[in-house]
Amino acid sequence: MSGQSFTDGLVTALGVIGGKWKPLIIAELHRRPRRFGELRRALPGVSEKVLSQQLREMELDGVVDREVCLSIPPRAVQYSLTELGLTLHESLLPLAAWGELHELRMLAPSG
């Protein structure tokens, strides 16, 4: 992979997962499909507006699928990862592992 294609690919990937909440939304949806309210409860601190915006952006990027459920409550919406979203989740696993190691390193006493 050339330096330019690495940079271009990284810019594209960061555009899809950029922001505090998108990777966390992906992780939650990887566990199982969720309705909006379930996602909001699973992500303490996210506002309804931000969650809605992030889901809409990820839907446009082809990472999240939005399905209107014909159940009770009427017109409830369920979100799930697409095949592309599943591959994105897999690509985030090494980054999460790196973050855990970095956190442990930062917490370790120096000396």
C-alpha atoms as a PDB file:
ATOM      1  CA  MET A   1       0.000   0.000   0.000  1.00  0.00           C
ATOM      2  CA  SER A   2       1.481   3.309  -1.022  1.00  0.00           C
ATOM      3  CA  GLY A   3       1.717   6.232   1.371  1.00  0.00           C
ATOM      4  CA  GLN A   4      -0.913   8.169  -0.542  1.00  0.00           C
ATOM      5  CA  SER A   5      -3.444   5.304  -0.608  1.00  0.00           C
ATOM      6  CA  PHE A   6      -2.842   4.742   3.127  1.00  0.00           C
ATOM      7  CA  THR A   7      -3.566   8.415   3.784  1.00  0.00           C
ATOM      8  CA  ASP A   8      -6.612   8.429   1.524  1.00  0.00           C
ATOM      9  CA  GLY A   9      -7.962   5.255   3.110  1.00  0.00           C
ATOM     10  CA  LEU A  10      -7.384   6.592   6.596  1.00  0.00           C
ATOM     11  CA  VAL A  11      -9.140   9.869   5.804  1.00  0.00           C
ATOM     12  CA  THR A  12     -12.116   7.943   4.424  1.00  0.00           C
ATOM     13  CA  ALA A  13     -12.271   5.577   7.419  1.00  0.00           C
ATOM     14  CA  LEU A  14     -12.005   8.405   9.935  1.00  0.00           C
ATOM     15  CA  GLY A  15     -14.789  10.215   8.113  1.00  0.00           C
ATOM     16  CA  VAL A  16     -17.047   7.227   8.708  1.00  0.00           C
ATOM     17  CA  ILE A  17     -16.113   6.621  12.366  1.00  0.00           C
ATOM     18  CA  GLY A  18     -15.213  10.183  13.331  1.00  0.00           C
ATOM     19  CA  GLY A  19     -16.609  11.469  16.573  1.00  0.00           C
ATOM     20  CA  LYS A  20     -16.953  10.114  20.063  1.00  0.00           C
ATOM     21  CA  TRP A  21     -20.118   8.095  19.585  1.00  0.00           C
ATOM     22  CA  LYS A  22     -19.862   6.268  16.257  1.00  0.00           C
ATOM     23  CA  PRO A  23     -17.441   3.531  17.375  1.00  0.00           C
ATOM     24  CA  LEU A  24     -19.528   3.021  20.523  1.00  0.00           C
ATOM     25  CA  ILE A  25     -22.726   2.778  18.464  1.00  0.00           C
ATOM     26  CA  ILE A  26     -21.036   0.225  16.216  1.00  0.00           C
ATOM     27  CA  ALA A  27     -19.984  -1.808  19.259  1.00  0.00           C
ATOM     28  CA  GLU A  28     -23.531  -1.789  20.659  1.00  0.00           C
ATOM     29  CA  LEU A  29     -25.096  -2.764  17.345  1.00  0.00           C
ATOM     30  CA  HIS A  30     -22.549  -5.553  16.965  1.00  0.00           C
ATOM     31  CA  ARG A  31     -23.988  -7.139  20.112  1.00  0.00           C
ATOM     32  CA  ARG A  32     -27.476  -7.139  18.588  1.00  0.00           C
ATOM     33  CA  PRO A  33     -29.894  -4.932  16.633  1.00  0.00           C
ATOM     34  CA  ARG A  34     -31.406  -2.225  18.810  1.00  0.00           C
ATOM     35  CA  ARG A  35     -34.221   0.249  18.830  1.00  0.00           C
ATOM     36  CA  PHE A  36     -33.382   3.904  19.247  1.00  0.00           C
ATOM     37  CA  GLY A  37     -34.351   4.023  22.926  1.00  0.00           C
ATOM     38  CA  GLU A  38     -32.299   0.921  23.709  1.00  0.00           C
ATOM     39  CA  LEU A  39     -29.266   2.476  22.060  1.00  0.00           C
ATOM     40  CA  ARG A  40     -29.741   5.703  23.967  1.00  0.00           C
ATOM     41  CA  ARG A  41     -29.900   3.841  27.294  1.00  0.00           C
ATOM     42  CA  ALA A  42     -26.827   1.778  26.365  1.00  0.00           C
ATOM     43  CA  LEU A  43     -24.828   4.958  25.688  1.00  0.00           C
ATOM     44  CA  PRO A  44     -25.151   7.185  28.756  1.00  0.00           C
ATOM     45  CA  GLY A  45     -24.301  10.771  27.964  1.00  0.00           C
ATOM     46  CA  VAL A  46     -25.326  10.816  24.318  1.00  0.00           C
ATOM     47  CA  SER A  47     -28.116  13.251  23.515  1.00  0.00           C
ATOM     48  CA  GLU A  48     -31.095  12.217  21.422  1.00  0.00           C
ATOM     49  CA  LYS A  49     -30.121  14.766  18.775  1.00  0.00           C
ATOM     50  CA  VAL A  50     -26.514  13.555  18.486  1.00  0.00           C
ATOM     51  CA  LEU A  51     -27.496   9.875  18.451  1.00  0.00           C
ATOM     52  CA  SER A  52     -30.047  10.508  15.735  1.00  0.00           C
ATOM     53  CA  GLN A  53     -27.544  12.495  13.668  1.00  0.00           C
ATOM     54  CA  GLN A  54     -24.786   9.897  14.043  1.00  0.00           C
ATOM     55  CA  LEU A  55     -27.140   7.041  13.089  1.00  0.00           C
ATOM     56  CA  ARG A  56     -28.321   8.970  10.037  1.00  0.00           C
ATOM     57  CA  GLU A  57     -24.724   9.615   8.933  1.00  0.00           C
ATOM     58  CA  MET A  58     -23.769   5.962   9.399  1.00  0.00           C
ATOM     59  CA  GLU A  59     -26.849   4.908   7.452  1.00  0.00           C
ATOM     60  CA  LEU A  60     -25.772   7.174   4.578  1.00  0.00           C
ATOM     61  CA  ASP A  61     -22.267   5.652   4.758  1.00  0.00           C
ATOM     62  CA  GLY A  62     -23.777   2.165   4.424  1.00  0.00           C
ATOM     63  CA  VAL A  63     -22.631   1.017   7.864  1.00  0.00           C
ATOM     64  CA  VAL A  64     -26.005   0.944   9.636  1.00  0.00           C
ATOM     65  CA  ASP A  65     -29.375  -0.345   8.453  1.00  0.00           C
ATOM     66  CA  ARG A  66     -32.559   1.349   9.630  1.00  0.00           C
ATOM     67  CA  GLU A  67     -35.657  -0.831   9.593  1.00  0.00           C
ATOM     68  CA  VAL A  68     -39.161   0.357  10.425  1.00  0.00           C
ATOM     69  CA  CYS A  69     -40.833  -2.367  12.490  1.00  0.00           C
ATOM     70  CA  LEU A  70     -44.538  -2.946  12.126  1.00  0.00           C
ATOM     71  CA  SER A  71     -45.034  -3.727  15.788  1.00  0.00           C
ATOM     72  CA  ILE A  72     -45.892  -2.098  19.053  1.00  0.00           C
ATOM     73  CA  PRO A  73     -45.074   0.710  19.496  1.00  0.00           C
ATOM     74  CA  PRO A  74     -46.203   1.528  15.976  1.00  0.00           C
ATOM     75  CA  ARG A  75     -43.476   2.588  13.564  1.00  0.00           C
ATOM     76  CA  ALA A  76     -40.694   1.674  15.941  1.00  0.00           C
ATOM     77  CA  VAL A  77     -37.301   1.762  14.260  1.00  0.00           C
ATOM     78  CA  GLN A  78     -34.611  -0.857  14.712  1.00  0.00           C
ATOM     79  CA  TYR A  79     -30.977  -0.330  13.820  1.00  0.00           C
ATOM     80  CA  SER A  80     -28.454  -3.005  12.902  1.00  0.00           C
ATOM     81  CA  LEU A  81     -25.054  -3.248  11.274  1.00  0.00           C
ATOM     82  CA  THR A  82     -24.838  -3.928   7.561  1.00  0.00           C
ATOM     83  CA  GLU A  83     -22.242  -6.312   6.141  1.00  0.00           C
ATOM     84  CA  LEU A  84     -20.002  -3.270   5.682  1.00  0.00           C
ATOM     85  CA  GLY A  85     -20.661  -2.295   9.298  1.00  0.00           C
ATOM     86  CA  LEU A  86     -19.633  -5.762  10.458  1.00  0.00           C
ATOM     87  CA  THR A  87     -16.318  -5.450   8.618  1.00  0.00           C
ATOM     88  CA  LEU A  88     -15.836  -1.992  10.142  1.00  0.00           C
ATOM     89  CA  HIS A  89     -16.421  -3.451  13.614  1.00  0.00           C
ATOM     90  CA  GLU A  90     -13.754  -6.078  12.937  1.00  0.00           C
ATOM     91  CA  SER A  91     -11.310  -3.373  11.875  1.00  0.00           C
ATOM     92  CA  LEU A  92     -11.919  -1.469  15.120  1.00  0.00           C
ATOM     93  CA  LEU A  93     -10.938  -4.430  17.326  1.00  0.00           C
ATOM     94  CA  PRO A  94      -7.148  -3.890  16.975  1.00  0.00           C
ATOM     95  CA  LEU A  95      -7.633  -0.183  17.725  1.00  0.00           C
ATOM     96  CA  ALA A  96      -9.596  -1.037  20.878  1.00  0.00           C
ATOM     97  CA  ALA A  97      -6.873  -3.470  21.945  1.00  0.00           C
ATOM     98  CA  TRP A  98      -4.250  -0.788  21.389  1.00  0.00           C
ATOM     99  CA  GLY A  99      -6.315   1.633  23.494  1.00  0.00           C
ATOM    100  CA  GLU A 100      -6.491  -0.853  26.367  1.00  0.00           C
ATOM    101  CA  LEU A 101      -2.709  -1.364  26.300  1.00  0.00           C
ATOM    102  CA  HIS A 102      -2.090   2.362  26.119  1.00  0.00           C
ATOM    103  CA  GLU A 103      -4.400   3.004  29.068  1.00  0.00           C
ATOM    104  CA  LEU A 104      -2.592   0.352  31.144  1.00  0.00           C
ATOM    105  CA  ARG A 105       0.753   1.895  30.195  1.00  0.00           C
ATOM    106  CA  MET A 106      -0.419   5.337  31.217  1.00  0.00           C
ATOM    107  CA  LEU A 107      -1.723   4.045  34.554  1.00  0.00           C
ATOM    108  CA  ALA A 108       1.453   2.084  35.353  1.00  0.00           C
ATOM    109  CA  PRO A 109       3.802   3.766  37.800  1.00  0.00           C
ATOM    110  CA  SER A 110       6.832   5.152  36.058  1.00  0.00           C
ATOM    111  CA  GLY A 111      10.186   4.441  37.339  1.00  0.00           C
END
